[in-house]
Amino acid sequence: MRIIARRTLQQFVESLSGSKDQPAVKSALDAWFDEASKSIWRTTADVKRHYATASIVSAERIVFNIKGNDYRLVVAVDFEKAIVWIKWIGTHKAYDKIDVTEVQHDQ
């Protein structure tokens, strides 16, 4: 899968500078990026096979648990074009305050 954009994940990790969570979050996001970029997802079922705890919000919106569900990663997926767009990343607490179907990454 082609993931747009890794920079979003890197910026989020940088925003945690000085936090005790930063190394674990960086490691978890790097692992997710590596696995997802090597994957071929044709349907949401393909995603669920590899990420059993992922939440399928709609045919295109998926939420991944990061670092033991302390953080959430919201993506949009175009299965036909094999593209994953990062829409949002944040703490589980902040996730509870967003509309996962509408949230967009601020450029």
C-alpha atoms as a PDB file:
ATOM      1  CA  MET A   1       0.000   0.000   0.000  1.00  0.00           C
ATOM      2  CA  ARG A   2       1.140   3.529  -0.694  1.00  0.00           C
ATOM      3  CA  ILE A   3       0.819   5.637   2.454  1.00  0.00           C
ATOM      4  CA  ILE A   4       0.278   9.382   2.301  1.00  0.00           C
ATOM      5  CA  ALA A   5       2.040  10.868   4.164  1.00  0.00           C
ATOM      6  CA  ARG A   6       4.714   9.473   6.429  1.00  0.00           C
ATOM      7  CA  ARG A   7       5.638  13.035   7.355  1.00  0.00           C
ATOM      8  CA  THR A   8       2.360  13.275   9.313  1.00  0.00           C
ATOM      9  CA  LEU A   9       3.445  10.374  11.521  1.00  0.00           C
ATOM     10  CA  GLN A  10       6.932  11.823  11.949  1.00  0.00           C
ATOM     11  CA  GLN A  11       5.543  15.218  12.938  1.00  0.00           C
ATOM     12  CA  PHE A  12       3.271  13.618  15.500  1.00  0.00           C
ATOM     13  CA  VAL A  13       6.208  11.750  17.055  1.00  0.00           C
ATOM     14  CA  GLU A  14       8.197  15.003  17.130  1.00  0.00           C
ATOM     15  CA  SER A  15       5.285  16.694  18.914  1.00  0.00           C
ATOM     16  CA  LEU A  16       5.770  14.181  21.746  1.00  0.00           C
ATOM     17  CA  SER A  17       9.348  15.343  22.319  1.00  0.00           C
ATOM     18  CA  GLY A  18      10.242  15.006  25.974  1.00  0.00           C
ATOM     19  CA  SER A  19       7.324  12.656  26.649  1.00  0.00           C
ATOM     20  CA  LYS A  20       8.061   9.237  28.112  1.00  0.00           C
ATOM     21  CA  ASP A  21       5.741   7.805  25.419  1.00  0.00           C
ATOM     22  CA  GLN A  22       7.739   9.177  22.477  1.00  0.00           C
ATOM     23  CA  PRO A  23      10.097   6.190  21.925  1.00  0.00           C
ATOM     24  CA  ALA A  24       7.281   3.628  22.183  1.00  0.00           C
ATOM     25  CA  VAL A  25       4.964   5.631  19.918  1.00  0.00           C
ATOM     26  CA  LYS A  26       7.738   6.101  17.359  1.00  0.00           C
ATOM     27  CA  SER A  27       8.463   2.383  17.404  1.00  0.00           C
ATOM     28  CA  ALA A  28       4.780   1.456  17.077  1.00  0.00           C
ATOM     29  CA  LEU A  29       4.165   3.908  14.212  1.00  0.00           C
ATOM     30  CA  ASP A  30       7.340   2.836  12.390  1.00  0.00           C
ATOM     31  CA  ALA A  31       6.227  -0.801  12.683  1.00  0.00           C
ATOM     32  CA  TRP A  32       2.707   0.029  11.442  1.00  0.00           C
ATOM     33  CA  PHE A  33       4.086   2.032   8.511  1.00  0.00           C
ATOM     34  CA  ASP A  34       6.507  -0.745   7.550  1.00  0.00           C
ATOM     35  CA  GLU A  35       3.838  -3.453   7.733  1.00  0.00           C
ATOM     36  CA  ALA A  36       1.127  -1.424   5.990  1.00  0.00           C
ATOM     37  CA  SER A  37       3.400  -0.252   3.184  1.00  0.00           C
ATOM     38  CA  LYS A  38       4.337  -3.867   2.409  1.00  0.00           C
ATOM     39  CA  SER A  39       0.730  -5.061   2.550  1.00  0.00           C
ATOM     40  CA  ILE A  40      -1.747  -5.539  -0.249  1.00  0.00           C
ATOM     41  CA  TRP A  41      -5.213  -4.792   1.078  1.00  0.00           C
ATOM     42  CA  ARG A  42      -8.070  -5.373  -1.337  1.00  0.00           C
ATOM     43  CA  THR A  43     -10.874  -5.217   1.242  1.00  0.00           C
ATOM     44  CA  THR A  44     -11.450  -4.353   4.874  1.00  0.00           C
ATOM     45  CA  ALA A  45     -11.355  -8.108   5.582  1.00  0.00           C
ATOM     46  CA  ASP A  46      -7.680  -8.101   4.501  1.00  0.00           C
ATOM     47  CA  VAL A  47      -6.983  -5.367   7.052  1.00  0.00           C
ATOM     48  CA  LYS A  48      -8.823  -7.244   9.824  1.00  0.00           C
ATOM     49  CA  ARG A  49      -6.863 -10.426   9.098  1.00  0.00           C
ATOM     50  CA  HIS A  50      -3.621  -8.636   9.961  1.00  0.00           C
ATOM     51  CA  TYR A  51      -4.960  -6.109  12.488  1.00  0.00           C
ATOM     52  CA  ALA A  52      -7.691  -7.833  14.471  1.00  0.00           C
ATOM     53  CA  THR A  53      -8.165  -4.818  16.747  1.00  0.00           C
ATOM     54  CA  ALA A  54      -8.588  -2.326  13.888  1.00  0.00           C
ATOM     55  CA  SER A  55     -12.019  -0.696  13.809  1.00  0.00           C
ATOM     56  CA  ILE A  56     -13.708  -0.598  10.423  1.00  0.00           C
ATOM     57  CA  VAL A  57     -15.748   2.608  10.527  1.00  0.00           C
ATOM     58  CA  SER A  58     -16.865   2.515   6.894  1.00  0.00           C
ATOM     59  CA  ALA A  59     -15.756   0.975   3.623  1.00  0.00           C
ATOM     60  CA  GLU A  60     -12.978   3.577   3.511  1.00  0.00           C
ATOM     61  CA  ARG A  61     -12.311   4.653   7.131  1.00  0.00           C
ATOM     62  CA  ILE A  62     -10.265   2.487   9.461  1.00  0.00           C
ATOM     63  CA  VAL A  63      -8.973   3.168  12.975  1.00  0.00           C
ATOM     64  CA  PHE A  64      -5.808   1.442  14.199  1.00  0.00           C
ATOM     65  CA  ASN A  65      -4.808   1.091  17.847  1.00  0.00           C
ATOM     66  CA  ILE A  66      -1.265   2.316  18.459  1.00  0.00           C
ATOM     67  CA  LYS A  67       0.852   1.529  21.510  1.00  0.00           C
ATOM     68  CA  GLY A  68      -1.631  -0.716  23.239  1.00  0.00           C
ATOM     69  CA  ASN A  69      -4.592   1.486  22.330  1.00  0.00           C
ATOM     70  CA  ASP A  70      -3.120   4.560  24.075  1.00  0.00           C
ATOM     71  CA  TYR A  71      -3.131   6.268  20.669  1.00  0.00           C
ATOM     72  CA  ARG A  72      -5.420   6.024  17.655  1.00  0.00           C
ATOM     73  CA  LEU A  73      -4.563   6.333  13.968  1.00  0.00           C
ATOM     74  CA  VAL A  74      -7.402   7.168  11.564  1.00  0.00           C
ATOM     75  CA  VAL A  75      -6.860   6.439   7.880  1.00  0.00           C
ATOM     76  CA  ALA A  76      -8.852   6.497   4.675  1.00  0.00           C
ATOM     77  CA  VAL A  77      -8.200   3.679   2.231  1.00  0.00           C
ATOM     78  CA  ASP A  78      -8.751   3.457  -1.510  1.00  0.00           C
ATOM     79  CA  PHE A  79      -8.470  -0.288  -2.001  1.00  0.00           C
ATOM     80  CA  GLU A  80      -8.698  -0.071  -5.786  1.00  0.00           C
ATOM     81  CA  LYS A  81      -5.725   2.321  -6.024  1.00  0.00           C
ATOM     82  CA  ALA A  82      -3.880   0.780  -3.028  1.00  0.00           C
ATOM     83  CA  ILE A  83      -3.541   4.131  -1.262  1.00  0.00           C
ATOM     84  CA  VAL A  84      -3.821   4.870   2.471  1.00  0.00           C
ATOM     85  CA  TRP A  85      -4.266   8.479   3.592  1.00  0.00           C
ATOM     86  CA  ILE A  86      -3.401   9.437   7.157  1.00  0.00           C
ATOM     87  CA  LYS A  87      -6.389  11.438   8.419  1.00  0.00           C
ATOM     88  CA  TRP A  88      -5.680  11.820  12.120  1.00  0.00           C
ATOM     89  CA  ILE A  89      -3.393  10.610  14.907  1.00  0.00           C
ATOM     90  CA  GLY A  90      -3.701  11.333  18.597  1.00  0.00           C
ATOM     91  CA  THR A  91      -4.358  10.022  22.061  1.00  0.00           C
ATOM     92  CA  HIS A  92      -7.324   7.797  22.745  1.00  0.00           C
ATOM     93  CA  LYS A  93      -8.746  10.588  24.930  1.00  0.00           C
ATOM     94  CA  ALA A  94      -8.529  13.101  22.039  1.00  0.00           C
ATOM     95  CA  TYR A  95     -10.010  10.485  19.685  1.00  0.00           C
ATOM     96  CA  ASP A  96     -13.145  10.374  21.808  1.00  0.00           C
ATOM     97  CA  LYS A  97     -13.730  14.052  20.948  1.00  0.00           C
ATOM     98  CA  ILE A  98     -13.565  13.788  17.131  1.00  0.00           C
ATOM     99  CA  ASP A  99     -15.981  12.645  14.448  1.00  0.00           C
ATOM    100  CA  VAL A 100     -13.952   9.839  12.929  1.00  0.00           C
ATOM    101  CA  THR A 101     -16.003   9.905   9.709  1.00  0.00           C
ATOM    102  CA  GLU A 102     -15.201  13.557   9.034  1.00  0.00           C
ATOM    103  CA  VAL A 103     -11.794  14.275  10.583  1.00  0.00           C
ATOM    104  CA  GLN A 104      -9.102  15.471   8.171  1.00  0.00           C
ATOM    105  CA  HIS A 105      -5.390  16.017   8.730  1.00  0.00           C
ATOM    106  CA  ASP A 106      -4.517  19.720   8.873  1.00  0.00           C
ATOM    107  CA  GLN A 107      -1.970  20.503   6.205  1.00  0.00           C
END
